[in-house]
Structures are given as structure tokens and as C-alpha cells.
Amino acid sequence: MAKIIEVTPHHLCRLFKEEFKIRPFVYLIKIRLKKAKELMLQNRNFTVKYVTKKVGYNDISYFCFIFKKYEGITPTEFKDMHIQ
């Protein structure tokens, strides 16, 4: 993105944070987690592994770590709470 608008990555990060009050990487994480939750609510048969891949993570352990860090519960706990 920085190259497209002809600024340094550091400058892009600063501009992004000024405008959206969040770092670009955290913004991307939140988008991925939102999509992951949508997928889990959409079809209870989707496995955490499947959802992990669909939202762009290659490592299920890392996805679970990030999910718990930002959501306060694991993906499996989320599924259990929202899907009967």
C-alpha cells in the first residue's frame, strides 16, 4: 500500500493510525476475526482449521492465539456459545 501511494511504510502506518486510531496490522486482524466469527456462525460444521485457512492464517495455533487475545475466548468456545 505504501508503494502505491508513494510513501514509506512507516509514514503509511502513521497516517493510518492518525485517521483510524488503529495500526494497519491490528485493523487487518480485526477484519479477519470478524470474518472468522461470521463463518463459524454461518455453518456449525465448519472446523476451526477450515475457518483458519479461509480468513488467511496458515497456522491454526497462531489463529487460536490471536482469536483469544482479541476476543477473550477460543474459537471453539465461541462456537459452543453461539451455536446450538
N, C-alpha and C. Protein backbone atom coordinates (compact mmCIF):
# COMPACT_ATOMS: atom_id res chain seq x y z
N MET A 1 0.82 -1.18 0.00
CA MET A 1 0.00 0.00 0.00
C MET A 1 0.87 1.25 0.00
N ALA A 2 1.93 1.21 0.79
CA ALA A 2 2.80 2.38 0.88
C ALA A 2 3.40 2.70 -0.49
N LYS A 3 3.79 1.68 -1.20
CA LYS A 3 4.40 1.89 -2.52
C LYS A 3 3.39 2.52 -3.48
N ILE A 4 2.16 2.10 -3.40
CA ILE A 4 1.12 2.61 -4.30
C ILE A 4 0.91 4.11 -4.09
N ILE A 5 0.90 4.54 -2.84
CA ILE A 5 0.68 5.97 -2.58
C ILE A 5 1.99 6.74 -2.41
N GLU A 6 3.09 6.02 -2.69
CA GLU A 6 4.43 6.62 -2.73
C GLU A 6 4.84 7.27 -1.41
N VAL A 7 4.70 6.51 -0.34
CA VAL A 7 5.20 6.91 0.97
C VAL A 7 5.93 5.72 1.58
N THR A 8 6.67 5.98 2.63
CA THR A 8 7.35 4.87 3.30
C THR A 8 6.33 4.07 4.13
N PRO A 9 6.62 2.80 4.41
CA PRO A 9 5.71 2.02 5.24
C PRO A 9 5.48 2.67 6.62
N HIS A 10 6.53 3.25 7.17
CA HIS A 10 6.40 3.93 8.47
C HIS A 10 5.43 5.10 8.38
N HIS A 11 5.55 5.87 7.33
CA HIS A 11 4.67 7.03 7.15
C HIS A 11 3.22 6.57 6.93
N LEU A 12 3.05 5.53 6.15
CA LEU A 12 1.70 4.99 5.93
C LEU A 12 1.07 4.55 7.25
N CYS A 13 1.86 3.86 8.05
CA CYS A 13 1.36 3.41 9.35
C CYS A 13 0.93 4.60 10.21
N ARG A 14 1.74 5.63 10.21
CA ARG A 14 1.42 6.83 10.99
C ARG A 14 0.15 7.50 10.48
N LEU A 15 0.02 7.62 9.15
CA LEU A 15 -1.18 8.22 8.56
C LEU A 15 -2.43 7.39 8.88
N PHE A 16 -2.28 6.09 8.75
CA PHE A 16 -3.39 5.18 9.02
C PHE A 16 -3.84 5.31 10.47
N LYS A 17 -2.87 5.32 11.37
CA LYS A 17 -3.19 5.42 12.80
C LYS A 17 -3.83 6.76 13.13
N GLU A 18 -3.36 7.83 12.52
CA GLU A 18 -3.97 9.14 12.75
C GLU A 18 -5.43 9.16 12.29
N GLU A 19 -5.69 8.54 11.17
CA GLU A 19 -7.04 8.57 10.59
C GLU A 19 -8.00 7.60 11.28
N PHE A 20 -7.54 6.39 11.53
CA PHE A 20 -8.43 5.34 12.03
C PHE A 20 -8.21 4.98 13.50
N LYS A 21 -7.20 5.59 14.14
CA LYS A 21 -6.90 5.34 15.56
C LYS A 21 -6.52 3.90 15.84
N ILE A 22 -5.95 3.25 14.85
CA ILE A 22 -5.55 1.85 14.98
C ILE A 22 -4.45 1.58 13.95
N ARG A 23 -3.52 0.71 14.30
CA ARG A 23 -2.45 0.35 13.36
C ARG A 23 -3.03 -0.52 12.23
N PRO A 24 -2.47 -0.46 11.03
CA PRO A 24 -2.99 -1.25 9.91
C PRO A 24 -3.01 -2.75 10.21
N PHE A 25 -1.99 -3.25 10.88
CA PHE A 25 -1.93 -4.68 11.18
C PHE A 25 -3.07 -5.10 12.11
N VAL A 26 -3.36 -4.29 13.10
CA VAL A 26 -4.45 -4.59 14.03
C VAL A 26 -5.79 -4.51 13.29
N TYR A 27 -5.92 -3.55 12.40
CA TYR A 27 -7.13 -3.43 11.58
C TYR A 27 -7.35 -4.71 10.78
N LEU A 28 -6.30 -5.21 10.16
CA LEU A 28 -6.39 -6.45 9.39
C LEU A 28 -6.79 -7.62 10.29
N ILE A 29 -6.20 -7.70 11.46
CA ILE A 29 -6.57 -8.77 12.40
C ILE A 29 -8.05 -8.70 12.72
N LYS A 30 -8.55 -7.51 13.00
CA LYS A 30 -9.97 -7.37 13.36
C LYS A 30 -10.89 -7.75 12.21
N ILE A 31 -10.50 -7.43 11.00
CA ILE A 31 -11.30 -7.84 9.83
C ILE A 31 -11.32 -9.35 9.71
N ARG A 32 -10.15 -9.97 9.87
CA ARG A 32 -10.07 -11.43 9.79
C ARG A 32 -10.90 -12.11 10.88
N LEU A 33 -10.84 -11.57 12.09
CA LEU A 33 -11.61 -12.16 13.18
C LEU A 33 -13.11 -11.98 12.97
N LYS A 34 -13.50 -10.85 12.46
CA LYS A 34 -14.92 -10.63 12.16
C LYS A 34 -15.41 -11.66 11.14
N LYS A 35 -14.62 -11.87 10.09
CA LYS A 35 -14.99 -12.86 9.08
C LYS A 35 -15.00 -14.27 9.66
N ALA A 36 -14.04 -14.57 10.53
CA ALA A 36 -13.99 -15.90 11.15
C ALA A 36 -15.25 -16.15 11.96
N LYS A 37 -15.67 -15.15 12.73
CA LYS A 37 -16.89 -15.31 13.54
C LYS A 37 -18.12 -15.48 12.64
N GLU A 38 -18.16 -14.73 11.55
CA GLU A 38 -19.27 -14.87 10.60
C GLU A 38 -19.32 -16.28 10.04
N LEU A 39 -18.16 -16.81 9.66
CA LEU A 39 -18.11 -18.17 9.11
C LEU A 39 -18.56 -19.20 10.13
N MET A 40 -18.10 -19.05 11.38
CA MET A 40 -18.48 -20.02 12.41
C MET A 40 -19.97 -19.96 12.71
N LEU A 41 -20.56 -18.78 12.63
CA LEU A 41 -21.99 -18.64 12.86
C LEU A 41 -22.80 -19.11 11.65
N GLN A 42 -22.22 -18.98 10.50
CA GLN A 42 -22.88 -19.35 9.26
C GLN A 42 -23.10 -20.85 9.13
N ASN A 43 -22.10 -21.63 9.53
CA ASN A 43 -22.18 -23.08 9.37
C ASN A 43 -21.46 -23.76 10.53
N ARG A 44 -22.20 -24.40 11.38
CA ARG A 44 -21.59 -25.01 12.57
C ARG A 44 -20.67 -26.18 12.22
N ASN A 45 -20.77 -26.67 11.01
CA ASN A 45 -19.91 -27.78 10.59
C ASN A 45 -18.52 -27.31 10.14
N PHE A 46 -18.34 -26.01 9.97
CA PHE A 46 -17.02 -25.51 9.61
C PHE A 46 -16.08 -25.73 10.79
N THR A 47 -14.98 -26.38 10.53
CA THR A 47 -14.00 -26.62 11.59
C THR A 47 -13.17 -25.36 11.82
N VAL A 48 -12.53 -25.30 12.96
CA VAL A 48 -11.64 -24.17 13.24
C VAL A 48 -10.50 -24.17 12.22
N LYS A 49 -10.04 -25.32 11.84
CA LYS A 49 -8.98 -25.42 10.84
C LYS A 49 -9.44 -24.82 9.51
N TYR A 50 -10.65 -25.14 9.10
CA TYR A 50 -11.21 -24.61 7.86
C TYR A 50 -11.32 -23.09 7.93
N VAL A 51 -11.86 -22.58 9.02
CA VAL A 51 -12.04 -21.15 9.21
C VAL A 51 -10.68 -20.45 9.23
N THR A 52 -9.71 -21.07 9.89
CA THR A 52 -8.36 -20.51 9.94
C THR A 52 -7.84 -20.24 8.53
N LYS A 53 -7.95 -21.22 7.67
CA LYS A 53 -7.47 -21.09 6.29
C LYS A 53 -8.29 -20.06 5.51
N LYS A 54 -9.59 -20.06 5.69
CA LYS A 54 -10.47 -19.15 4.94
C LYS A 54 -10.20 -17.68 5.25
N VAL A 55 -9.76 -17.39 6.46
CA VAL A 55 -9.52 -15.99 6.82
C VAL A 55 -8.04 -15.59 6.66
N GLY A 56 -7.25 -16.48 6.08
CA GLY A 56 -5.90 -16.10 5.69
C GLY A 56 -4.78 -16.47 6.64
N TYR A 57 -5.05 -17.33 7.60
CA TYR A 57 -3.98 -17.79 8.50
C TYR A 57 -3.55 -19.19 8.08
N ASN A 58 -2.27 -19.46 8.16
CA ASN A 58 -1.75 -20.79 7.83
C ASN A 58 -1.57 -21.67 9.05
N ASP A 59 -1.46 -21.05 10.21
CA ASP A 59 -1.16 -21.77 11.45
C ASP A 59 -2.35 -21.68 12.39
N ILE A 60 -2.98 -22.82 12.65
CA ILE A 60 -4.17 -22.85 13.50
C ILE A 60 -3.84 -22.42 14.93
N SER A 61 -2.67 -22.76 15.41
CA SER A 61 -2.29 -22.36 16.78
C SER A 61 -2.18 -20.84 16.88
N TYR A 62 -1.59 -20.22 15.87
CA TYR A 62 -1.47 -18.76 15.87
C TYR A 62 -2.84 -18.11 15.77
N PHE A 63 -3.70 -18.66 14.91
CA PHE A 63 -5.06 -18.13 14.78
C PHE A 63 -5.78 -18.21 16.12
N CYS A 64 -5.69 -19.35 16.80
CA CYS A 64 -6.34 -19.50 18.10
C CYS A 64 -5.78 -18.52 19.13
N PHE A 65 -4.47 -18.31 19.10
CA PHE A 65 -3.83 -17.35 20.00
C PHE A 65 -4.37 -15.94 19.75
N ILE A 66 -4.40 -15.53 18.49
CA ILE A 66 -4.90 -14.20 18.13
C ILE A 66 -6.38 -14.07 18.48
N PHE A 67 -7.16 -15.09 18.18
CA PHE A 67 -8.59 -15.06 18.47
C PHE A 67 -8.81 -14.85 19.97
N LYS A 68 -8.11 -15.62 20.79
CA LYS A 68 -8.28 -15.50 22.24
C LYS A 68 -7.78 -14.13 22.73
N LYS A 69 -6.69 -13.65 22.17
CA LYS A 69 -6.15 -12.36 22.58
C LYS A 69 -7.15 -11.24 22.35
N TYR A 70 -7.83 -11.25 21.22
CA TYR A 70 -8.74 -10.16 20.87
C TYR A 70 -10.19 -10.40 21.28
N GLU A 71 -10.60 -11.65 21.37
CA GLU A 71 -11.99 -11.96 21.69
C GLU A 71 -12.19 -12.43 23.13
N GLY A 72 -11.11 -12.83 23.78
CA GLY A 72 -11.20 -13.25 25.18
C GLY A 72 -11.59 -14.70 25.37
N ILE A 73 -11.90 -15.38 24.29
CA ILE A 73 -12.25 -16.81 24.32
C ILE A 73 -11.63 -17.48 23.10
N THR A 74 -11.56 -18.79 23.12
CA THR A 74 -11.03 -19.52 21.98
C THR A 74 -12.10 -19.63 20.89
N PRO A 75 -11.68 -19.94 19.66
CA PRO A 75 -12.67 -20.14 18.60
C PRO A 75 -13.68 -21.25 18.94
N THR A 76 -13.21 -22.30 19.56
CA THR A 76 -14.10 -23.39 19.94
C THR A 76 -15.11 -22.94 20.98
N GLU A 77 -14.66 -22.17 21.96
CA GLU A 77 -15.58 -21.63 22.95
C GLU A 77 -16.60 -20.70 22.30
N PHE A 78 -16.16 -19.92 21.33
CA PHE A 78 -17.08 -19.05 20.60
C PHE A 78 -18.15 -19.87 19.91
N LYS A 79 -17.72 -20.92 19.21
CA LYS A 79 -18.68 -21.79 18.52
C LYS A 79 -19.67 -22.41 19.51
N ASP A 80 -19.15 -22.91 20.61
CA ASP A 80 -20.00 -23.56 21.61
C ASP A 80 -21.01 -22.59 22.21
N MET A 81 -20.62 -21.34 22.39
CA MET A 81 -21.51 -20.33 22.98
C MET A 81 -22.62 -19.90 22.01
N HIS A 82 -22.32 -19.86 20.73
CA HIS A 82 -23.25 -19.28 19.78
C HIS A 82 -23.99 -20.27 18.88
N ILE A 83 -23.56 -21.48 18.89
CA ILE A 83 -24.19 -22.45 18.00
C ILE A 83 -24.67 -23.64 18.83
N GLN A 84 -25.93 -23.87 18.74
CA GLN A 84 -26.55 -24.97 19.49
C GLN A 84 -26.75 -26.16 18.59
